[in-house]
Amino acid sequence: GRQAAEKSFNLGREYDTSRANFSSAIRATERTTPSGPAYAVANATG
C-alpha cells in the first residue's frame, strides 16, 4: 500500500505541477509538512 500510494503521489505531482508551465495564473510549490511530503497548486484562472 505505501509503495502504491507513493507512486500515485509522484505521478499526480508530475501531472499537476506541469500546469504551471502554461499559465502565469497557475503557481505550484513543494514542501514537507507536519503530515508528510506535499505539493500545492494555486489556480487563479477563475
All heavy atoms as atom14 arrays in JSON, in Angstrom:
{
  "sequence": "GRQAAEKSFNLGREYDTSRANFSSAIRATERTTPSGPAYAVANATG",
  "atom14_mask": [
    [1, 1, 1, 1, 0, 0, 0, 0, 0, 0, 0, 0, 0, 0],
    [1, 1, 1, 1, 1, 1, 1, 1, 1, 1, 1, 0, 0, 0],
    [1, 1, 1, 1, 1, 1, 1, 1, 1, 0, 0, 0, 0, 0],
    [1, 1, 1, 1, 1, 0, 0, 0, 0, 0, 0, 0, 0, 0],
    [1, 1, 1, 1, 1, 0, 0, 0, 0, 0, 0, 0, 0, 0],
    [1, 1, 1, 1, 1, 1, 1, 1, 1, 0, 0, 0, 0, 0],
    [1, 1, 1, 1, 1, 1, 1, 1, 1, 0, 0, 0, 0, 0],
    [1, 1, 1, 1, 1, 1, 0, 0, 0, 0, 0, 0, 0, 0],
    [1, 1, 1, 1, 1, 1, 1, 1, 1, 1, 1, 0, 0, 0],
    [1, 1, 1, 1, 1, 1, 1, 1, 0, 0, 0, 0, 0, 0],
    [1, 1, 1, 1, 1, 1, 1, 1, 0, 0, 0, 0, 0, 0],
    [1, 1, 1, 1, 0, 0, 0, 0, 0, 0, 0, 0, 0, 0],
    [1, 1, 1, 1, 1, 1, 1, 1, 1, 1, 1, 0, 0, 0],
    [1, 1, 1, 1, 1, 1, 1, 1, 1, 0, 0, 0, 0, 0],
    [1, 1, 1, 1, 1, 1, 1, 1, 1, 1, 1, 1, 0, 0],
    [1, 1, 1, 1, 1, 1, 1, 1, 0, 0, 0, 0, 0, 0],
    [1, 1, 1, 1, 1, 1, 1, 0, 0, 0, 0, 0, 0, 0],
    [1, 1, 1, 1, 1, 1, 0, 0, 0, 0, 0, 0, 0, 0],
    [1, 1, 1, 1, 1, 1, 1, 1, 1, 1, 1, 0, 0, 0],
    [1, 1, 1, 1, 1, 0, 0, 0, 0, 0, 0, 0, 0, 0],
    [1, 1, 1, 1, 1, 1, 1, 1, 0, 0, 0, 0, 0, 0],
    [1, 1, 1, 1, 1, 1, 1, 1, 1, 1, 1, 0, 0, 0],
    [1, 1, 1, 1, 1, 1, 0, 0, 0, 0, 0, 0, 0, 0],
    [1, 1, 1, 1, 1, 1, 0, 0, 0, 0, 0, 0, 0, 0],
    [1, 1, 1, 1, 1, 0, 0, 0, 0, 0, 0, 0, 0, 0],
    [1, 1, 1, 1, 1, 1, 1, 1, 0, 0, 0, 0, 0, 0],
    [1, 1, 1, 1, 1, 1, 1, 1, 1, 1, 1, 0, 0, 0],
    [1, 1, 1, 1, 1, 0, 0, 0, 0, 0, 0, 0, 0, 0],
    [1, 1, 1, 1, 1, 1, 1, 0, 0, 0, 0, 0, 0, 0],
    [1, 1, 1, 1, 1, 1, 1, 1, 1, 0, 0, 0, 0, 0],
    [1, 1, 1, 1, 1, 1, 1, 1, 1, 1, 1, 0, 0, 0],
    [1, 1, 1, 1, 1, 1, 1, 0, 0, 0, 0, 0, 0, 0],
    [1, 1, 1, 1, 1, 1, 1, 0, 0, 0, 0, 0, 0, 0],
    [1, 1, 1, 1, 1, 1, 1, 0, 0, 0, 0, 0, 0, 0],
    [1, 1, 1, 1, 1, 1, 0, 0, 0, 0, 0, 0, 0, 0],
    [1, 1, 1, 1, 0, 0, 0, 0, 0, 0, 0, 0, 0, 0],
    [1, 1, 1, 1, 1, 1, 1, 0, 0, 0, 0, 0, 0, 0],
    [1, 1, 1, 1, 1, 0, 0, 0, 0, 0, 0, 0, 0, 0],
    [1, 1, 1, 1, 1, 1, 1, 1, 1, 1, 1, 1, 0, 0],
    [1, 1, 1, 1, 1, 0, 0, 0, 0, 0, 0, 0, 0, 0],
    [1, 1, 1, 1, 1, 1, 1, 0, 0, 0, 0, 0, 0, 0],
    [1, 1, 1, 1, 1, 0, 0, 0, 0, 0, 0, 0, 0, 0],
    [1, 1, 1, 1, 1, 1, 1, 1, 0, 0, 0, 0, 0, 0],
    [1, 1, 1, 1, 1, 0, 0, 0, 0, 0, 0, 0, 0, 0],
    [1, 1, 1, 1, 1, 1, 1, 0, 0, 0, 0, 0, 0, 0],
    [1, 1, 1, 1, 0, 0, 0, 0, 0, 0, 0, 0, 0, 0]
  ],
  "atom14_positions": [
    [[0.79, -1.22, 0.0], [0.0, 0.0, 0.0], [0.83, 1.27, 0.0], [0.52, 2.23, -0.72], [0.0, 0.0, 0.0], [0.0, 0.0, 0.0], [0.0, 0.0, 0.0], [0.0, 0.0, 0.0], [0.0, 0.0, 0.0], [0.0, 0.0, 0.0], [0.0, 0.0, 0.0], [0.0, 0.0, 0.0], [0.0, 0.0, 0.0], [0.0, 0.0, 0.0]],
    [[1.9, 1.3, 0.78], [2.72, 2.52, 0.86], [3.41, 2.8, -0.47], [3.48, 3.93, -0.92], [3.76, 2.37, 1.98], [3.15, 2.19, 3.36], [4.23, 2.01, 4.43], [3.66, 1.58, 5.69], [3.45, 0.31, 6.03], [3.77, -0.66, 5.18], [2.94, 0.0, 7.21], [0.0, 0.0, 0.0], [0.0, 0.0, 0.0], [0.0, 0.0, 0.0]],
    [[3.92, 1.74, -1.1], [4.58, 1.93, -2.39], [3.59, 2.4, -3.46], [3.91, 3.25, -4.3], [5.25, 0.62, -2.83], [6.45, 0.21, -2.0], [6.06, -0.47, -0.69], [4.87, -0.72, -0.43], [7.05, -0.8, 0.12], [0.0, 0.0, 0.0], [0.0, 0.0, 0.0], [0.0, 0.0, 0.0], [0.0, 0.0, 0.0], [0.0, 0.0, 0.0]],
    [[2.36, 1.84, -3.43], [1.35, 2.25, -4.4], [0.94, 3.7, -4.18], [0.75, 4.46, -5.13], [0.13, 1.33, -4.29], [0.0, 0.0, 0.0], [0.0, 0.0, 0.0], [0.0, 0.0, 0.0], [0.0, 0.0, 0.0], [0.0, 0.0, 0.0], [0.0, 0.0, 0.0], [0.0, 0.0, 0.0], [0.0, 0.0, 0.0], [0.0, 0.0, 0.0]],
    [[0.82, 4.11, -2.92], [0.45, 5.5, -2.61], [1.56, 6.45, -3.05], [1.29, 7.53, -3.62], [0.17, 5.65, -1.12], [0.0, 0.0, 0.0], [0.0, 0.0, 0.0], [0.0, 0.0, 0.0], [0.0, 0.0, 0.0], [0.0, 0.0, 0.0], [0.0, 0.0, 0.0], [0.0, 0.0, 0.0], [0.0, 0.0, 0.0], [0.0, 0.0, 0.0]],
    [[2.8, 6.06, -2.8], [3.93, 6.9, -3.2], [3.99, 7.06, -4.71], [4.23, 8.16, -5.23], [5.22, 6.29, -2.67], [6.46, 7.13, -2.94], [7.7, 6.5, -2.33], [7.59, 5.89, -1.25], [8.77, 6.61, -2.95], [0.0, 0.0, 0.0], [0.0, 0.0, 0.0], [0.0, 0.0, 0.0], [0.0, 0.0, 0.0], [0.0, 0.0, 0.0]],
    [[3.76, 5.98, -5.43], [3.77, 6.04, -6.89], [2.65, 6.96, -7.4], [2.87, 7.79, -8.28], [3.6, 4.64, -7.48], [3.59, 4.61, -9.0], [3.46, 3.18, -9.52], [3.44, 3.15, -11.04], [3.3, 1.75, -11.54], [0.0, 0.0, 0.0], [0.0, 0.0, 0.0], [0.0, 0.0, 0.0], [0.0, 0.0, 0.0], [0.0, 0.0, 0.0]],
    [[1.46, 6.82, -6.82], [0.34, 7.67, -7.22], [0.62, 9.14, -6.92], [0.34, 10.03, -7.74], [-0.93, 7.23, -6.49], [-2.0, 8.1, -6.76], [0.0, 0.0, 0.0], [0.0, 0.0, 0.0], [0.0, 0.0, 0.0], [0.0, 0.0, 0.0], [0.0, 0.0, 0.0], [0.0, 0.0, 0.0], [0.0, 0.0, 0.0], [0.0, 0.0, 0.0]],
    [[1.2, 9.4, -5.75], [1.55, 10.76, -5.35], [2.53, 11.37, -6.34], [2.35, 12.5, -6.8], [2.13, 10.75, -3.94], [2.64, 12.08, -3.46], [1.79, 13.0, -2.87], [3.99, 12.4, -3.59], [2.26, 14.22, -2.42], [4.47, 13.62, -3.14], [3.6, 14.53, -2.56], [0.0, 0.0, 0.0], [0.0, 0.0, 0.0], [0.0, 0.0, 0.0]],
    [[3.57, 10.65, -6.68], [4.59, 11.17, -7.59], [4.04, 11.4, -9.0], [4.36, 12.4, -9.65], [5.79, 10.23, -7.63], [6.63, 10.31, -6.37], [6.77, 11.37, -5.78], [7.19, 9.18, -5.95], [0.0, 0.0, 0.0], [0.0, 0.0, 0.0], [0.0, 0.0, 0.0], [0.0, 0.0, 0.0], [0.0, 0.0, 0.0], [0.0, 0.0, 0.0]],
    [[3.21, 10.48, -9.49], [2.62, 10.65, -10.81], [1.67, 11.85, -10.82], [1.67, 12.66, -11.76], [1.87, 9.38, -11.22], [2.73, 8.17, -11.6], [1.85, 6.95, -11.81], [3.55, 8.47, -12.85], [0.0, 0.0, 0.0], [0.0, 0.0, 0.0], [0.0, 0.0, 0.0], [0.0, 0.0, 0.0], [0.0, 0.0, 0.0], [0.0, 0.0, 0.0]],
    [[0.85, 11.98, -9.78], [-0.05, 13.1, -9.7], [0.68, 14.42, -9.61], [0.29, 15.42, -10.23], [0.0, 0.0, 0.0], [0.0, 0.0, 0.0], [0.0, 0.0, 0.0], [0.0, 0.0, 0.0], [0.0, 0.0, 0.0], [0.0, 0.0, 0.0], [0.0, 0.0, 0.0], [0.0, 0.0, 0.0], [0.0, 0.0, 0.0], [0.0, 0.0, 0.0]],
    [[1.76, 14.44, -8.86], [2.54, 15.66, -8.72], [3.14, 16.09, -10.05], [3.1, 17.27, -10.42], [3.65, 15.43, -7.68], [4.5, 16.65, -7.42], [5.55, 16.39, -6.39], [6.41, 15.28, -6.8], [7.66, 15.14, -6.36], [8.16, 16.01, -5.51], [8.39, 14.12, -6.75], [0.0, 0.0, 0.0], [0.0, 0.0, 0.0], [0.0, 0.0, 0.0]],
    [[3.7, 15.14, -10.78], [4.28, 15.48, -12.07], [3.22, 16.05, -13.02], [3.46, 17.03, -13.72], [4.93, 14.24, -12.68], [5.6, 14.5, -14.02], [6.29, 13.27, -14.56], [6.24, 12.22, -13.9], [6.86, 13.36, -15.65], [0.0, 0.0, 0.0], [0.0, 0.0, 0.0], [0.0, 0.0, 0.0], [0.0, 0.0, 0.0], [0.0, 0.0, 0.0]],
    [[2.04, 15.42, -13.02], [0.96, 15.87, -13.91], [0.44, 17.23, -13.48], [0.29, 18.15, -14.3], [-0.16, 14.84, -13.89], [-1.36, 15.2, -14.73], [-1.36, 14.98, -16.1], [-2.49, 15.77, -14.15], [-2.46, 15.31, -16.88], [-3.6, 16.11, -14.92], [-3.58, 15.87, -16.27], [-4.67, 16.2, -17.04], [0.0, 0.0, 0.0], [0.0, 0.0, 0.0]],
    [[0.14, 17.4, -12.2], [-0.48, 18.63, -11.72], [0.46, 19.82, -11.81], [0.06, 20.91, -12.22], [-0.93, 18.47, -10.27], [-2.15, 17.57, -10.12], [-2.83, 17.32, -11.13], [-2.41, 17.11, -8.99], [0.0, 0.0, 0.0], [0.0, 0.0, 0.0], [0.0, 0.0, 0.0], [0.0, 0.0, 0.0], [0.0, 0.0, 0.0], [0.0, 0.0, 0.0]],
    [[1.71, 19.63, -11.4], [2.62, 20.77, -11.38], [2.97, 21.25, -12.78], [3.32, 22.41, -12.97], [3.92, 20.42, -10.62], [4.52, 19.28, -11.23], [3.63, 20.11, -9.16], [0.0, 0.0, 0.0], [0.0, 0.0, 0.0], [0.0, 0.0, 0.0], [0.0, 0.0, 0.0], [0.0, 0.0, 0.0], [0.0, 0.0, 0.0], [0.0, 0.0, 0.0]],
    [[2.86, 20.37, -13.76], [3.18, 20.77, -15.13], [2.23, 21.85, -15.65], [2.57, 22.58, -16.58], [3.15, 19.56, -16.07], [1.82, 19.06, -16.21], [0.0, 0.0, 0.0], [0.0, 0.0, 0.0], [0.0, 0.0, 0.0], [0.0, 0.0, 0.0], [0.0, 0.0, 0.0], [0.0, 0.0, 0.0], [0.0, 0.0, 0.0], [0.0, 0.0, 0.0]],
    [[1.05, 21.98, -15.04], [0.11, 23.0, -15.47], [0.66, 24.41, -15.26], [0.26, 25.34, -15.96], [-1.21, 22.84, -14.7], [-1.98, 21.59, -15.05], [-3.17, 21.4, -14.13], [-4.05, 22.54, -14.12], [-5.05, 22.73, -14.99], [-5.27, 21.84, -15.94], [-5.81, 23.79, -14.9], [0.0, 0.0, 0.0], [0.0, 0.0, 0.0], [0.0, 0.0, 0.0]],
    [[1.57, 24.56, -14.3], [2.15, 25.88, -14.05], [3.02, 26.36, -15.21], [3.34, 27.55, -15.29], [2.98, 25.84, -12.76], [0.0, 0.0, 0.0], [0.0, 0.0, 0.0], [0.0, 0.0, 0.0], [0.0, 0.0, 0.0], [0.0, 0.0, 0.0], [0.0, 0.0, 0.0], [0.0, 0.0, 0.0], [0.0, 0.0, 0.0], [0.0, 0.0, 0.0]],
    [[3.38, 25.46, -16.1], [4.19, 25.85, -17.26], [3.38, 26.55, -18.34], [3.95, 27.11, -19.27], [4.86, 24.62, -17.86], [5.84, 23.97, -16.92], [6.53, 24.65, -16.18], [5.9, 22.65, -16.94], [0.0, 0.0, 0.0], [0.0, 0.0, 0.0], [0.0, 0.0, 0.0], [0.0, 0.0, 0.0], [0.0, 0.0, 0.0], [0.0, 0.0, 0.0]],
    [[2.06, 26.51, -18.23], [1.22, 27.0, -19.32], [0.43, 28.25, -18.97], [-0.27, 28.8, -19.82], [0.26, 25.89, -19.76], [0.96, 24.66, -20.23], [1.09, 23.55, -19.41], [1.56, 24.61, -21.49], [1.75, 22.41, -19.83], [2.23, 23.48, -21.92], [2.33, 22.37, -21.08], [0.0, 0.0, 0.0], [0.0, 0.0, 0.0], [0.0, 0.0, 0.0]],
    [[0.52, 28.72, -17.72], [-0.22, 29.92, -17.34], [0.46, 30.59, -16.17], [0.82, 29.93, -15.19], [-1.66, 29.56, -16.95], [-2.34, 30.7, -16.41], [0.0, 0.0, 0.0], [0.0, 0.0, 0.0], [0.0, 0.0, 0.0], [0.0, 0.0, 0.0], [0.0, 0.0, 0.0], [0.0, 0.0, 0.0], [0.0, 0.0, 0.0], [0.0, 0.0, 0.0]],
    [[0.62, 31.92, -16.26], [1.22, 32.67, -15.15], [0.26, 32.76, -13.98], [0.66, 33.12, -12.86], [1.59, 34.08, -15.61], [0.44, 34.8, -16.03], [0.0, 0.0, 0.0], [0.0, 0.0, 0.0], [0.0, 0.0, 0.0], [0.0, 0.0, 0.0], [0.0, 0.0, 0.0], [0.0, 0.0, 0.0], [0.0, 0.0, 0.0], [0.0, 0.0, 0.0]],
    [[-1.02, 32.42, -14.2], [-2.01, 32.46, -13.13], [-2.1, 31.13, -12.39], [-2.99, 30.94, -11.56], [-3.38, 32.84, -13.69], [0.0, 0.0, 0.0], [0.0, 0.0, 0.0], [0.0, 0.0, 0.0], [0.0, 0.0, 0.0], [0.0, 0.0, 0.0], [0.0, 0.0, 0.0], [0.0, 0.0, 0.0], [0.0, 0.0, 0.0], [0.0, 0.0, 0.0]],
    [[-1.21, 30.21, -12.71], [-1.11, 28.93, -12.01], [0.29, 28.81, -11.45], [1.27, 28.9, -12.18], [-1.42, 27.75, -12.94], [-2.85, 27.83, -13.48], [-1.22, 26.43, -12.21], [-3.2, 26.75, -14.48], [0.0, 0.0, 0.0], [0.0, 0.0, 0.0], [0.0, 0.0, 0.0], [0.0, 0.0, 0.0], [0.0, 0.0, 0.0], [0.0, 0.0, 0.0]],
    [[0.37, 28.65, -10.14], [1.67, 28.51, -9.5], [1.68, 27.28, -8.6], [0.64, 26.87, -8.1], [2.0, 29.76, -8.67], [2.18, 31.0, -9.52], [2.92, 32.06, -8.76], [3.19, 33.23, -9.57], [4.06, 34.17, -9.23], [4.75, 34.07, -8.11], [4.25, 35.22, -10.01], [0.0, 0.0, 0.0], [0.0, 0.0, 0.0], [0.0, 0.0, 0.0]],
    [[2.86, 26.72, -8.41], [2.97, 25.49, -7.64], [4.14, 25.56, -6.69], [5.12, 26.27, -6.92], [3.13, 24.31, -8.59], [0.0, 0.0, 0.0], [0.0, 0.0, 0.0], [0.0, 0.0, 0.0], [0.0, 0.0, 0.0], [0.0, 0.0, 0.0], [0.0, 0.0, 0.0], [0.0, 0.0, 0.0], [0.0, 0.0, 0.0], [0.0, 0.0, 0.0]],
    [[4.04, 24.81, -5.62], [5.12, 24.73, -4.65], [5.16, 23.33, -4.07], [4.17, 22.59, -4.13], [4.94, 25.76, -3.53], [6.11, 25.8, -2.71], [3.74, 25.42, -2.66], [0.0, 0.0, 0.0], [0.0, 0.0, 0.0], [0.0, 0.0, 0.0], [0.0, 0.0, 0.0], [0.0, 0.0, 0.0], [0.0, 0.0, 0.0], [0.0, 0.0, 0.0]],
    [[6.3, 22.98, -3.51], [6.5, 21.64, -2.95], [7.25, 21.78, -1.64], [8.2, 22.55, -1.53], [7.32, 20.81, -3.94], [7.63, 19.42, -3.49], [8.54, 18.71, -4.49], [8.59, 19.14, -5.66], [9.22, 17.75, -4.09], [0.0, 0.0, 0.0], [0.0, 0.0, 0.0], [0.0, 0.0, 0.0], [0.0, 0.0, 0.0], [0.0, 0.0, 0.0]],
    [[6.79, 21.06, -0.61], [7.44, 21.17, 0.69], [7.07, 19.96, 1.54], [6.2, 19.18, 1.18], [7.01, 22.46, 1.4], [5.53, 22.57, 1.64], [5.1, 24.01, 1.93], [3.67, 24.09, 2.1], [3.04, 23.94, 3.25], [3.75, 23.72, 4.36], [1.75, 24.01, 3.33], [0.0, 0.0, 0.0], [0.0, 0.0, 0.0], [0.0, 0.0, 0.0]],
    [[7.75, 19.84, 2.68], [7.43, 18.81, 3.66], [6.58, 19.45, 4.75], [6.99, 20.44, 5.36], [8.69, 18.19, 4.25], [9.45, 17.59, 3.2], [8.34, 17.14, 5.29], [0.0, 0.0, 0.0], [0.0, 0.0, 0.0], [0.0, 0.0, 0.0], [0.0, 0.0, 0.0], [0.0, 0.0, 0.0], [0.0, 0.0, 0.0], [0.0, 0.0, 0.0]],
    [[5.42, 18.91, 4.99], [4.5, 19.43, 6.01], [4.55, 18.53, 7.24], [5.13, 17.44, 7.2], [3.07, 19.47, 5.47], [2.56, 18.12, 5.38], [3.01, 20.12, 4.09], [0.0, 0.0, 0.0], [0.0, 0.0, 0.0], [0.0, 0.0, 0.0], [0.0, 0.0, 0.0], [0.0, 0.0, 0.0], [0.0, 0.0, 0.0], [0.0, 0.0, 0.0]],
    [[3.94, 18.94, 8.35], [3.89, 18.07, 9.52], [3.22, 16.73, 9.24], [3.48, 15.74, 9.95], [3.08, 18.89, 10.54], [3.35, 20.31, 10.16], [3.42, 20.3, 8.67], [0.0, 0.0, 0.0], [0.0, 0.0, 0.0], [0.0, 0.0, 0.0], [0.0, 0.0, 0.0], [0.0, 0.0, 0.0], [0.0, 0.0, 0.0], [0.0, 0.0, 0.0]],
    [[2.36, 16.67, 8.23], [1.66, 15.42, 7.92], [2.41, 14.54, 6.93], [2.12, 13.35, 6.81], [0.26, 15.73, 7.36], [-0.53, 16.43, 8.3], [0.0, 0.0, 0.0], [0.0, 0.0, 0.0], [0.0, 0.0, 0.0], [0.0, 0.0, 0.0], [0.0, 0.0, 0.0], [0.0, 0.0, 0.0], [0.0, 0.0, 0.0], [0.0, 0.0, 0.0]],
    [[3.36, 15.13, 6.19], [4.1, 14.37, 5.2], [4.47, 15.24, 4.02], [4.16, 16.43, 3.97], [0.0, 0.0, 0.0], [0.0, 0.0, 0.0], [0.0, 0.0, 0.0], [0.0, 0.0, 0.0], [0.0, 0.0, 0.0], [0.0, 0.0, 0.0], [0.0, 0.0, 0.0], [0.0, 0.0, 0.0], [0.0, 0.0, 0.0], [0.0, 0.0, 0.0]],
    [[5.17, 14.68, 3.01], [5.53, 15.44, 1.83], [4.28, 15.89, 1.08], [3.29, 15.15, 1.0], [6.35, 14.46, 0.99], [5.95, 13.1, 1.49], [5.62, 13.28, 2.94], [0.0, 0.0, 0.0], [0.0, 0.0, 0.0], [0.0, 0.0, 0.0], [0.0, 0.0, 0.0], [0.0, 0.0, 0.0], [0.0, 0.0, 0.0], [0.0, 0.0, 0.0]],
    [[4.32, 17.11, 0.55], [3.12, 17.67, -0.09], [3.51, 18.56, -1.25], [4.62, 19.08, -1.31], [2.3, 18.47, 0.93], [0.0, 0.0, 0.0], [0.0, 0.0, 0.0], [0.0, 0.0, 0.0], [0.0, 0.0, 0.0], [0.0, 0.0, 0.0], [0.0, 0.0, 0.0], [0.0, 0.0, 0.0], [0.0, 0.0, 0.0], [0.0, 0.0, 0.0]],
    [[2.57, 18.71, -2.16], [2.69, 19.73, -3.19], [1.37, 20.49, -3.24], [0.31, 19.95, -2.91], [3.04, 19.14, -4.56], [2.02, 18.22, -5.18], [0.99, 18.73, -5.97], [2.09, 16.83, -5.02], [0.06, 17.88, -6.57], [1.18, 15.99, -5.6], [0.16, 16.52, -6.38], [-0.78, 15.69, -6.97], [0.0, 0.0, 0.0], [0.0, 0.0, 0.0]],
    [[1.46, 21.76, -3.61], [0.26, 22.6, -3.68], [0.26, 23.35, -4.99], [1.31, 23.75, -5.49], [0.21, 23.57, -2.51], [0.0, 0.0, 0.0], [0.0, 0.0, 0.0], [0.0, 0.0, 0.0], [0.0, 0.0, 0.0], [0.0, 0.0, 0.0], [0.0, 0.0, 0.0], [0.0, 0.0, 0.0], [0.0, 0.0, 0.0], [0.0, 0.0, 0.0]],
    [[-0.92, 23.55, -5.53], [-1.08, 24.28, -6.78], [-2.15, 25.34, -6.6], [-3.26, 25.04, -6.19], [-1.45, 23.35, -7.94], [-1.57, 24.15, -9.23], [-0.43, 22.26, -8.09], [0.0, 0.0, 0.0], [0.0, 0.0, 0.0], [0.0, 0.0, 0.0], [0.0, 0.0, 0.0], [0.0, 0.0, 0.0], [0.0, 0.0, 0.0], [0.0, 0.0, 0.0]],
    [[-1.8, 26.57, -6.92], [-2.75, 27.68, -6.85], [-3.21, 28.0, -8.26], [-2.39, 28.17, -9.17], [-2.11, 28.9, -6.21], [0.0, 0.0, 0.0], [0.0, 0.0, 0.0], [0.0, 0.0, 0.0], [0.0, 0.0, 0.0], [0.0, 0.0, 0.0], [0.0, 0.0, 0.0], [0.0, 0.0, 0.0], [0.0, 0.0, 0.0], [0.0, 0.0, 0.0]],
    [[-4.51, 28.11, -8.45], [-5.09, 28.38, -9.77], [-5.97, 29.61, -9.65], [-7.02, 29.58, -9.03], [-5.92, 27.17, -10.22], [-6.42, 27.32, -11.65], [-6.51, 28.42, -12.17], [-6.74, 26.21, -12.29], [0.0, 0.0, 0.0], [0.0, 0.0, 0.0], [0.0, 0.0, 0.0], [0.0, 0.0, 0.0], [0.0, 0.0, 0.0], [0.0, 0.0, 0.0]],
    [[-5.52, 30.71, -10.25], [-6.26, 31.97, -10.21], [-6.87, 32.3, -11.56], [-7.06, 33.46, -11.91], [-5.36, 33.11, -9.74], [0.0, 0.0, 0.0], [0.0, 0.0, 0.0], [0.0, 0.0, 0.0], [0.0, 0.0, 0.0], [0.0, 0.0, 0.0], [0.0, 0.0, 0.0], [0.0, 0.0, 0.0], [0.0, 0.0, 0.0], [0.0, 0.0, 0.0]],
    [[-7.2, 31.26, -12.33], [-7.87, 31.45, -13.62], [-9.36, 31.26, -13.43], [-9.98, 30.43, -14.07], [-7.33, 30.46, -14.67], [-7.54, 29.12, -14.19], [-5.84, 30.66, -14.91], [0.0, 0.0, 0.0], [0.0, 0.0, 0.0], [0.0, 0.0, 0.0], [0.0, 0.0, 0.0], [0.0, 0.0, 0.0], [0.0, 0.0, 0.0], [0.0, 0.0, 0.0]],
    [[-9.95, 32.04, -12.54], [-11.32, 31.81, -12.09], [-12.42, 32.13, -13.08], [-13.6, 31.99, -12.75], [0.0, 0.0, 0.0], [0.0, 0.0, 0.0], [0.0, 0.0, 0.0], [0.0, 0.0, 0.0], [0.0, 0.0, 0.0], [0.0, 0.0, 0.0], [0.0, 0.0, 0.0], [0.0, 0.0, 0.0], [0.0, 0.0, 0.0], [0.0, 0.0, 0.0]]
  ]
}
